[in-house]
Amino acid sequence: MFSFFKAILQTLKVFILFTGCTVLFYYGIMWVTEEYQNYHRYDEPEGTAVKVSNAVDQQSSSLFNRLVLFYLNGE
């Protein structure tokens, strides 16, 4: 009878540990999500940023030229 209660106690300890780690992981993920949700990646850069280039003029490009550019650059 004593080993039965000991087994239940060990099972309860494992369950509590698993539940605590799951809750900790959940709130950690929620904290990271909250931290990066307000991070504006697509804002205009500040300072002396320079636009690099425009590979193809959008008005004068044909379908063939765009296809060749895709195969050459993978874009």
C-alpha atoms as a PDB file:
ATOM      1  CA  MET A   1       0.000   0.000   0.000  1.00  0.00           C
ATOM      2  CA  PHE A   2       2.863   2.355   0.800  1.00  0.00           C
ATOM      3  CA  SER A   3       4.444   1.879  -2.660  1.00  0.00           C
ATOM      4  CA  PHE A   4       1.083   2.706  -4.273  1.00  0.00           C
ATOM      5  CA  PHE A   5       1.001   6.103  -2.554  1.00  0.00           C
ATOM      6  CA  LYS A   6       4.656   6.632  -3.374  1.00  0.00           C
ATOM      7  CA  ALA A   7       3.942   5.973  -7.059  1.00  0.00           C
ATOM      8  CA  ILE A   8       1.013   8.408  -6.996  1.00  0.00           C
ATOM      9  CA  LEU A   9       3.216  11.044  -5.331  1.00  0.00           C
ATOM     10  CA  GLN A  10       5.944  10.585  -7.957  1.00  0.00           C
ATOM     11  CA  THR A  11       3.353  10.824 -10.751  1.00  0.00           C
ATOM     12  CA  LEU A  12       1.932  13.984  -9.197  1.00  0.00           C
ATOM     13  CA  LYS A  13       5.428  15.527  -8.991  1.00  0.00           C
ATOM     14  CA  VAL A  14       6.069  14.796 -12.666  1.00  0.00           C
ATOM     15  CA  PHE A  15       2.671  16.218 -13.616  1.00  0.00           C
ATOM     16  CA  ILE A  16       3.289  19.417 -11.640  1.00  0.00           C
ATOM     17  CA  LEU A  17       6.765  19.790 -13.136  1.00  0.00           C
ATOM     18  CA  PHE A  18       5.438  19.247 -16.666  1.00  0.00           C
ATOM     19  CA  THR A  19       2.592  21.707 -16.132  1.00  0.00           C
ATOM     20  CA  GLY A  20       4.933  24.334 -14.675  1.00  0.00           C
ATOM     21  CA  CYS A  21       7.401  24.020 -17.559  1.00  0.00           C
ATOM     22  CA  THR A  22       4.556  24.200 -20.092  1.00  0.00           C
ATOM     23  CA  VAL A  23       3.164  27.365 -18.513  1.00  0.00           C
ATOM     24  CA  LEU A  24       6.642  28.905 -18.348  1.00  0.00           C
ATOM     25  CA  PHE A  25       7.268  28.074 -22.012  1.00  0.00           C
ATOM     26  CA  TYR A  26       3.869  29.483 -23.023  1.00  0.00           C
ATOM     27  CA  TYR A  27       4.422  32.795 -21.267  1.00  0.00           C
ATOM     28  CA  GLY A  28       7.971  32.971 -22.652  1.00  0.00           C
ATOM     29  CA  ILE A  29       6.648  32.608 -26.186  1.00  0.00           C
ATOM     30  CA  MET A  30       3.947  35.201 -25.487  1.00  0.00           C
ATOM     31  CA  TRP A  31       6.597  37.606 -24.164  1.00  0.00           C
ATOM     32  CA  VAL A  32       8.761  37.180 -27.296  1.00  0.00           C
ATOM     33  CA  THR A  33       5.712  37.667 -29.524  1.00  0.00           C
ATOM     34  CA  GLU A  34       4.743  40.820 -27.642  1.00  0.00           C
ATOM     35  CA  GLU A  35       8.301  42.130 -27.861  1.00  0.00           C
ATOM     36  CA  TYR A  36       8.575  41.740 -31.633  1.00  0.00           C
ATOM     37  CA  GLN A  37       4.979  42.629 -32.501  1.00  0.00           C
ATOM     38  CA  ASN A  38       5.729  46.332 -32.080  1.00  0.00           C
ATOM     39  CA  TYR A  39       8.971  46.110 -34.063  1.00  0.00           C
ATOM     40  CA  HIS A  40       8.411  47.966 -37.331  1.00  0.00           C
ATOM     41  CA  ARG A  41      10.679  46.286 -39.864  1.00  0.00           C
ATOM     42  CA  TYR A  42       9.392  48.209 -42.860  1.00  0.00           C
ATOM     43  CA  ASP A  43       9.764  51.751 -41.595  1.00  0.00           C
ATOM     44  CA  GLU A  44      11.882  54.116 -43.626  1.00  0.00           C
ATOM     45  CA  PRO A  45      15.468  54.003 -42.418  1.00  0.00           C
ATOM     46  CA  GLU A  46      16.830  56.924 -40.473  1.00  0.00           C
ATOM     47  CA  GLY A  47      20.129  58.648 -41.092  1.00  0.00           C
ATOM     48  CA  THR A  48      22.139  58.547 -44.300  1.00  0.00           C
ATOM     49  CA  ALA A  49      20.557  55.472 -45.905  1.00  0.00           C
ATOM     50  CA  VAL A  50      20.807  55.281 -49.692  1.00  0.00           C
ATOM     51  CA  LYS A  51      18.566  53.400 -52.124  1.00  0.00           C
ATOM     52  CA  VAL A  52      20.743  50.772 -53.772  1.00  0.00           C
ATOM     53  CA  SER A  53      19.351  50.359 -57.273  1.00  0.00           C
ATOM     54  CA  ASN A  54      16.376  49.539 -59.416  1.00  0.00           C
ATOM     55  CA  ALA A  55      17.365  46.512 -61.532  1.00  0.00           C
ATOM     56  CA  VAL A  56      14.707  46.904 -64.223  1.00  0.00           C
ATOM     57  CA  ASP A  57      12.676  49.877 -65.322  1.00  0.00           C
ATOM     58  CA  GLN A  58       9.101  48.747 -64.765  1.00  0.00           C
ATOM     59  CA  GLN A  59       7.620  50.582 -67.784  1.00  0.00           C
ATOM     60  CA  SER A  60      10.068  49.360 -70.446  1.00  0.00           C
ATOM     61  CA  SER A  61      10.444  45.732 -69.348  1.00  0.00           C
ATOM     62  CA  SER A  62       8.991  42.971 -71.459  1.00  0.00           C
ATOM     63  CA  LEU A  63       7.983  39.519 -70.369  1.00  0.00           C
ATOM     64  CA  PHE A  64      11.075  38.005 -71.992  1.00  0.00           C
ATOM     65  CA  ASN A  65      13.428  40.438 -70.218  1.00  0.00           C
ATOM     66  CA  ARG A  66      11.779  39.731 -66.882  1.00  0.00           C
ATOM     67  CA  LEU A  67      12.098  35.979 -67.474  1.00  0.00           C
ATOM     68  CA  VAL A  68      15.802  36.312 -68.336  1.00  0.00           C
ATOM     69  CA  LEU A  69      16.330  38.442 -65.222  1.00  0.00           C
ATOM     70  CA  PHE A  70      14.571  35.800 -63.147  1.00  0.00           C
ATOM     71  CA  TYR A  71      16.790  33.026 -64.466  1.00  0.00           C
ATOM     72  CA  LEU A  72      19.988  35.079 -64.047  1.00  0.00           C
ATOM     73  CA  ASN A  73      19.339  36.454 -60.573  1.00  0.00           C
ATOM     74  CA  GLY A  74      16.779  34.072 -59.178  1.00  0.00           C
ATOM     75  CA  GLU A  75      14.437  36.964 -58.365  1.00  0.00           C
END
